[in-house]
Amino acid sequence: MRNEDVKHVEKYKTKLRFLVRLFKFIVVDPSSLFFVLKNAIFHLNYRLNFSLLNQKKSIENPCFNR
């Protein structure tokens, strides 16, 4: 497999794992769904802030490359 194909497959594997976990939480304990969504939003917000911080650093300092 090519490198792009491997990345593509890995992306869909993580999405599938997320959907399976979400389904388990809905079926097993609907009240825990609130905490799962809250943690997911926090995680996405953290990742977005981190990527924006890296972009800001790379703009301020062209030598900073990741």
PDB file of N, CA and C in Angstrom:
ATOM      1  N   MET A   1       0.836  -1.191   0.000  1.00  0.00           N
ATOM      2  CA  MET A   1       0.000   0.000   0.000  1.00  0.00           C
ATOM      3  C   MET A   1       0.875   1.247   0.000  1.00  0.00           C
ATOM      4  N   ARG A   2       0.349   2.259  -0.645  1.00  0.00           N
ATOM      5  CA  ARG A   2       1.072   3.525  -0.637  1.00  0.00           C
ATOM      6  C   ARG A   2       0.858   4.245   0.683  1.00  0.00           C
ATOM      7  N   ASN A   3       1.688   5.226   0.931  1.00  0.00           N
ATOM      8  CA  ASN A   3       1.632   5.972   2.189  1.00  0.00           C
ATOM      9  C   ASN A   3       0.305   6.717   2.340  1.00  0.00           C
ATOM     10  N   GLU A   4      -0.204   7.281   1.229  1.00  0.00           N
ATOM     11  CA  GLU A   4      -1.482   8.005   1.292  1.00  0.00           C
ATOM     12  C   GLU A   4      -2.630   7.060   1.640  1.00  0.00           C
ATOM     13  N   ASP A   5      -2.566   5.841   1.084  1.00  0.00           N
ATOM     14  CA  ASP A   5      -3.608   4.857   1.373  1.00  0.00           C
ATOM     15  C   ASP A   5      -3.605   4.469   2.848  1.00  0.00           C
ATOM     16  N   VAL A   6      -2.419   4.327   3.416  1.00  0.00           N
ATOM     17  CA  VAL A   6      -2.312   3.952   4.829  1.00  0.00           C
ATOM     18  C   VAL A   6      -2.899   5.060   5.696  1.00  0.00           C
ATOM     19  N   LYS A   7      -2.593   6.318   5.380  1.00  0.00           N
ATOM     20  CA  LYS A   7      -3.141   7.446   6.149  1.00  0.00           C
ATOM     21  C   LYS A   7      -4.660   7.477   6.025  1.00  0.00           C
ATOM     22  N   HIS A   8      -5.163   7.214   4.826  1.00  0.00           N
ATOM     23  CA  HIS A   8      -6.600   7.213   4.580  1.00  0.00           C
ATOM     24  C   HIS A   8      -7.296   6.139   5.420  1.00  0.00           C
ATOM     25  N   VAL A   9      -6.717   4.951   5.436  1.00  0.00           N
ATOM     26  CA  VAL A   9      -7.292   3.840   6.203  1.00  0.00           C
ATOM     27  C   VAL A   9      -7.245   4.143   7.695  1.00  0.00           C
ATOM     28  N   GLU A  10      -6.136   4.690   8.182  1.00  0.00           N
ATOM     29  CA  GLU A  10      -6.011   5.013   9.606  1.00  0.00           C
ATOM     30  C   GLU A  10      -7.035   6.053  10.022  1.00  0.00           C
ATOM     31  N   LYS A  11      -7.303   7.028   9.151  1.00  0.00           N
ATOM     32  CA  LYS A  11      -8.281   8.068   9.460  1.00  0.00           C
ATOM     33  C   LYS A  11      -9.666   7.442   9.640  1.00  0.00           C
ATOM     34  N   TYR A  12     -10.029   6.530   8.750  1.00  0.00           N
ATOM     35  CA  TYR A  12     -11.341   5.910   8.867  1.00  0.00           C
ATOM     36  C   TYR A  12     -11.420   4.930  10.029  1.00  0.00           C
ATOM     37  N   LYS A  13     -10.303   4.303  10.377  1.00  0.00           N
ATOM     38  CA  LYS A  13     -10.296   3.424  11.553  1.00  0.00           C
ATOM     39  C   LYS A  13     -10.590   4.210  12.813  1.00  0.00           C
ATOM     40  N   THR A  14      -9.973   5.388  12.944  1.00  0.00           N
ATOM     41  CA  THR A  14     -10.214   6.200  14.151  1.00  0.00           C
ATOM     42  C   THR A  14     -11.650   6.695  14.188  1.00  0.00           C
ATOM     43  N   LYS A  15     -12.208   7.056  13.029  1.00  0.00           N
ATOM     44  CA  LYS A  15     -13.613   7.483  12.996  1.00  0.00           C
ATOM     45  C   LYS A  15     -14.536   6.334  13.392  1.00  0.00           C
ATOM     46  N   LEU A  16     -14.231   5.141  12.910  1.00  0.00           N
ATOM     47  CA  LEU A  16     -15.048   3.978  13.228  1.00  0.00           C
ATOM     48  C   LEU A  16     -14.972   3.653  14.716  1.00  0.00           C
ATOM     49  N   ARG A  17     -13.762   3.725  15.291  1.00  0.00           N
ATOM     50  CA  ARG A  17     -13.614   3.486  16.735  1.00  0.00           C
ATOM     51  C   ARG A  17     -14.427   4.490  17.537  1.00  0.00           C
ATOM     52  N   PHE A  18     -14.401   5.752  17.114  1.00  0.00           N
ATOM     53  CA  PHE A  18     -15.155   6.786  17.812  1.00  0.00           C
ATOM     54  C   PHE A  18     -16.651   6.493  17.762  1.00  0.00           C
ATOM     55  N   LEU A  19     -17.157   6.097  16.593  1.00  0.00           N
ATOM     56  CA  LEU A  19     -18.587   5.807  16.457  1.00  0.00           C
ATOM     57  C   LEU A  19     -18.994   4.598  17.297  1.00  0.00           C
ATOM     58  N   VAL A  20     -18.127   3.585  17.354  1.00  0.00           N
ATOM     59  CA  VAL A  20     -18.438   2.403  18.163  1.00  0.00           C
ATOM     60  C   VAL A  20     -18.494   2.778  19.635  1.00  0.00           C
ATOM     61  N   ARG A  21     -17.532   3.579  20.095  1.00  0.00           N
ATOM     62  CA  ARG A  21     -17.552   4.018  21.498  1.00  0.00           C
ATOM     63  C   ARG A  21     -18.794   4.838  21.795  1.00  0.00           C
ATOM     64  N   LEU A  22     -19.148   5.733  20.882  1.00  0.00           N
ATOM     65  CA  LEU A  22     -20.330   6.566  21.074  1.00  0.00           C
ATOM     66  C   LEU A  22     -21.590   5.704  21.152  1.00  0.00           C
ATOM     67  N   PHE A  23     -21.692   4.703  20.285  1.00  0.00           N
ATOM     68  CA  PHE A  23     -22.841   3.806  20.301  1.00  0.00           C
ATOM     69  C   PHE A  23     -22.917   3.040  21.617  1.00  0.00           C
ATOM     70  N   LYS A  24     -21.760   2.572  22.110  1.00  0.00           N
ATOM     71  CA  LYS A  24     -21.744   1.852  23.386  1.00  0.00           C
ATOM     72  C   LYS A  24     -22.230   2.741  24.522  1.00  0.00           C
ATOM     73  N   PHE A  25     -21.799   3.995  24.542  1.00  0.00           N
ATOM     74  CA  PHE A  25     -22.222   4.900  25.603  1.00  0.00           C
ATOM     75  C   PHE A  25     -23.720   5.192  25.534  1.00  0.00           C
ATOM     76  N   ILE A  26     -24.248   5.332  24.325  1.00  0.00           N
ATOM     77  CA  ILE A  26     -25.686   5.611  24.187  1.00  0.00           C
ATOM     78  C   ILE A  26     -26.495   4.416  24.672  1.00  0.00           C
ATOM     79  N   VAL A  27     -26.087   3.214  24.317  1.00  0.00           N
ATOM     80  CA  VAL A  27     -26.843   2.018  24.680  1.00  0.00           C
ATOM     81  C   VAL A  27     -26.676   1.675  26.161  1.00  0.00           C
ATOM     82  N   VAL A  28     -25.427   1.719  26.645  1.00  0.00           N
ATOM     83  CA  VAL A  28     -25.160   1.271  28.012  1.00  0.00           C
ATOM     84  C   VAL A  28     -25.617   2.297  29.039  1.00  0.00           C
ATOM     85  N   ASP A  29     -25.187   3.555  28.884  1.00  0.00           N
ATOM     86  CA  ASP A  29     -25.482   4.564  29.899  1.00  0.00           C
ATOM     87  C   ASP A  29     -25.660   5.925  29.231  1.00  0.00           C
ATOM     88  N   PRO A  30     -26.888   6.306  28.927  1.00  0.00           N
ATOM     89  CA  PRO A  30     -27.117   7.580  28.235  1.00  0.00           C
ATOM     90  C   PRO A  30     -26.651   8.803  29.032  1.00  0.00           C
ATOM     91  N   SER A  31     -26.633   8.714  30.375  1.00  0.00           N
ATOM     92  CA  SER A  31     -26.227   9.887  31.152  1.00  0.00           C
ATOM     93  C   SER A  31     -24.732  10.169  31.005  1.00  0.00           C
ATOM     94  N   SER A  32     -23.934   9.145  30.663  1.00  0.00           N
ATOM     95  CA  SER A  32     -22.502   9.372  30.497  1.00  0.00           C
ATOM     96  C   SER A  32     -22.186  10.039  29.157  1.00  0.00           C
ATOM     97  N   LEU A  33     -23.174  10.104  28.273  1.00  0.00           N
ATOM     98  CA  LEU A  33     -22.965  10.737  26.972  1.00  0.00           C
ATOM     99  C   LEU A  33     -22.594  12.210  27.136  1.00  0.00           C
ATOM    100  N   PHE A  34     -23.184  12.870  28.127  1.00  0.00           N
ATOM    101  CA  PHE A  34     -22.882  14.280  28.378  1.00  0.00           C
ATOM    102  C   PHE A  34     -21.388  14.461  28.662  1.00  0.00           C
ATOM    103  N   PHE A  35     -20.816  13.613  29.504  1.00  0.00           N
ATOM    104  CA  PHE A  35     -19.408  13.733  29.850  1.00  0.00           C
ATOM    105  C   PHE A  35     -18.519  13.424  28.654  1.00  0.00           C
ATOM    106  N   VAL A  36     -18.928  12.470  27.832  1.00  0.00           N
ATOM    107  CA  VAL A  36     -18.143  12.134  26.641  1.00  0.00           C
ATOM    108  C   VAL A  36     -18.116  13.318  25.681  1.00  0.00           C
ATOM    109  N   LEU A  37     -19.268  13.932  25.456  1.00  0.00           N
ATOM    110  CA  LEU A  37     -19.324  15.073  24.547  1.00  0.00           C
ATOM    111  C   LEU A  37     -18.533  16.256  25.102  1.00  0.00           C
ATOM    112  N   LYS A  38     -18.628  16.468  26.411  1.00  0.00           N
ATOM    113  CA  LYS A  38     -17.886  17.570  27.025  1.00  0.00           C
ATOM    114  C   LYS A  38     -16.383  17.356  26.850  1.00  0.00           C
ATOM    115  N   ASN A  39     -15.912  16.125  27.067  1.00  0.00           N
ATOM    116  CA  ASN A  39     -14.489  15.830  26.900  1.00  0.00           C
ATOM    117  C   ASN A  39     -14.061  15.951  25.444  1.00  0.00           C
ATOM    118  N   ALA A  40     -14.921  15.542  24.518  1.00  0.00           N
ATOM    119  CA  ALA A  40     -14.586  15.645  23.101  1.00  0.00           C
ATOM    120  C   ALA A  40     -14.461  17.107  22.681  1.00  0.00           C
ATOM    121  N   ILE A  41     -15.376  17.940  23.153  1.00  0.00           N
ATOM    122  CA  ILE A  41     -15.309  19.370  22.824  1.00  0.00           C
ATOM    123  C   ILE A  41     -14.056  19.989  23.423  1.00  0.00           C
ATOM    124  N   PHE A  42     -13.737  19.636  24.661  1.00  0.00           N
ATOM    125  CA  PHE A  42     -12.524  20.156  25.297  1.00  0.00           C
ATOM    126  C   PHE A  42     -11.283  19.729  24.513  1.00  0.00           C
ATOM    127  N   HIS A  43     -11.249  18.461  24.083  1.00  0.00           N
ATOM    128  CA  HIS A  43     -10.097  17.941  23.356  1.00  0.00           C
ATOM    129  C   HIS A  43      -9.932  18.653  22.012  1.00  0.00           C
ATOM    130  N   LEU A  44     -11.035  18.843  21.288  1.00  0.00           N
ATOM    131  CA  LEU A  44     -10.966  19.522  19.995  1.00  0.00           C
ATOM    132  C   LEU A  44     -10.541  20.978  20.174  1.00  0.00           C
ATOM    133  N   ASN A  45     -11.054  21.628  21.213  1.00  0.00           N
ATOM    134  CA  ASN A  45     -10.692  23.014  21.481  1.00  0.00           C
ATOM    135  C   ASN A  45      -9.201  23.117  21.797  1.00  0.00           C
ATOM    136  N   TYR A  46      -8.687  22.168  22.584  1.00  0.00           N
ATOM    137  CA  TYR A  46      -7.268  22.147  22.931  1.00  0.00           C
ATOM    138  C   TYR A  46      -6.404  21.974  21.684  1.00  0.00           C
ATOM    139  N   ARG A  47      -6.786  21.044  20.829  1.00  0.00           N
ATOM    140  CA  ARG A  47      -6.010  20.807  19.602  1.00  0.00           C
ATOM    141  C   ARG A  47      -6.044  22.017  18.686  1.00  0.00           C
ATOM    142  N   LEU A  48      -7.204  22.668  18.584  1.00  0.00           N
ATOM    143  CA  LEU A  48      -7.326  23.848  17.731  1.00  0.00           C
ATOM    144  C   LEU A  48      -6.448  24.976  18.264  1.00  0.00           C
ATOM    145  N   ASN A  49      -6.486  25.208  19.573  1.00  0.00           N
ATOM    146  CA  ASN A  49      -5.659  26.253  20.168  1.00  0.00           C
ATOM    147  C   ASN A  49      -4.181  25.956  19.970  1.00  0.00           C
ATOM    148  N   PHE A  50      -3.792  24.693  20.109  1.00  0.00           N
ATOM    149  CA  PHE A  50      -2.391  24.316  19.945  1.00  0.00           C
ATOM    150  C   PHE A  50      -1.933  24.557  18.508  1.00  0.00           C
ATOM    151  N   SER A  51      -2.776  24.203  17.528  1.00  0.00           N
ATOM    152  CA  SER A  51      -2.377  24.406  16.133  1.00  0.00           C
ATOM    153  C   SER A  51      -2.324  25.889  15.798  1.00  0.00           C
ATOM    154  N   LEU A  52      -3.240  26.683  16.354  1.00  0.00           N
ATOM    155  CA  LEU A  52      -3.196  28.123  16.115  1.00  0.00           C
ATOM    156  C   LEU A  52      -1.958  28.743  16.746  1.00  0.00           C
ATOM    157  N   LEU A  53      -1.565  28.248  17.915  1.00  0.00           N
ATOM    158  CA  LEU A  53      -0.356  28.733  18.575  1.00  0.00           C
ATOM    159  C   LEU A  53       0.874  28.419  17.730  1.00  0.00           C
ATOM    160  N   ASN A  54       0.922  27.228  17.156  1.00  0.00           N
ATOM    161  CA  ASN A  54       2.057  26.867  16.296  1.00  0.00           C
ATOM    162  C   ASN A  54       2.097  27.733  15.048  1.00  0.00           C
ATOM    163  N   GLN A  55       0.939  28.046  14.483  1.00  0.00           N
ATOM    164  CA  GLN A  55       0.903  28.916  13.309  1.00  0.00           C
ATOM    165  C   GLN A  55       1.406  30.314  13.665  1.00  0.00           C
ATOM    166  N   LYS A  56       0.995  30.794  14.832  1.00  0.00           N
ATOM    167  CA  LYS A  56       1.430  32.119  15.268  1.00  0.00           C
ATOM    168  C   LYS A  56       2.944  32.141  15.466  1.00  0.00           C
ATOM    169  N   LYS A  57       3.490  31.082  16.072  1.00  0.00           N
ATOM    170  CA  LYS A  57       4.939  31.015  16.276  1.00  0.00           C
ATOM    171  C   LYS A  57       5.670  30.986  14.943  1.00  0.00           C
ATOM    172  N   SER A  58       5.135  30.246  13.973  1.00  0.00           N
ATOM    173  CA  SER A  58       5.819  30.141  12.685  1.00  0.00           C
ATOM    174  C   SER A  58       5.749  31.462  11.924  1.00  0.00           C
ATOM    175  N   ILE A  59       4.698  32.257  12.154  1.00  0.00           N
ATOM    176  CA  ILE A  59       4.606  33.566  11.505  1.00  0.00           C
ATOM    177  C   ILE A  59       5.606  34.530  12.154  1.00  0.00           C
ATOM    178  N   GLU A  60       5.665  34.509  13.484  1.00  0.00           N
ATOM    179  CA  GLU A  60       6.575  35.406  14.187  1.00  0.00           C
ATOM    180  C   GLU A  60       8.034  35.032  13.955  1.00  0.00           C
ATOM    181  N   ASN A  61       8.324  33.738  13.922  1.00  0.00           N
ATOM    182  CA  ASN A  61       9.694  33.260  13.783  1.00  0.00           C
ATOM    183  C   ASN A  61       9.745  32.283  12.608  1.00  0.00           C
ATOM    184  N   PRO A  62      10.205  32.735  11.450  1.00  0.00           N
ATOM    185  CA  PRO A  62      10.219  31.852  10.272  1.00  0.00           C
ATOM    186  C   PRO A  62      11.106  30.620  10.447  1.00  0.00           C
ATOM    187  N   CYS A  63      12.038  30.657  11.398  1.00  0.00           N
ATOM    188  CA  CYS A  63      12.907  29.500  11.617  1.00  0.00           C
ATOM    189  C   CYS A  63      12.175  28.370  12.344  1.00  0.00           C
ATOM    190  N   PHE A  64      11.028  28.697  12.957  1.00  0.00           N
ATOM    191  CA  PHE A  64      10.259  27.692  13.701  1.00  0.00           C
ATOM    192  C   PHE A  64       9.402  26.917  12.725  1.00  0.00           C
ATOM    193  N   ASN A  65       9.831  25.708  12.392  1.00  0.00           N
ATOM    194  CA  ASN A  65       9.070  24.872  11.461  1.00  0.00           C
ATOM    195  C   ASN A  65       8.821  23.533  12.094  1.00  0.00           C
ATOM    196  N   ARG A  66       7.617  23.025  11.889  1.00  0.00           N
ATOM    197  CA  ARG A  66       7.277  21.689  12.392  1.00  0.00           C
ATOM    198  C   ARG A  66       6.854  20.841  11.239  1.00  0.00           C
TER     199      ARG A  66
END
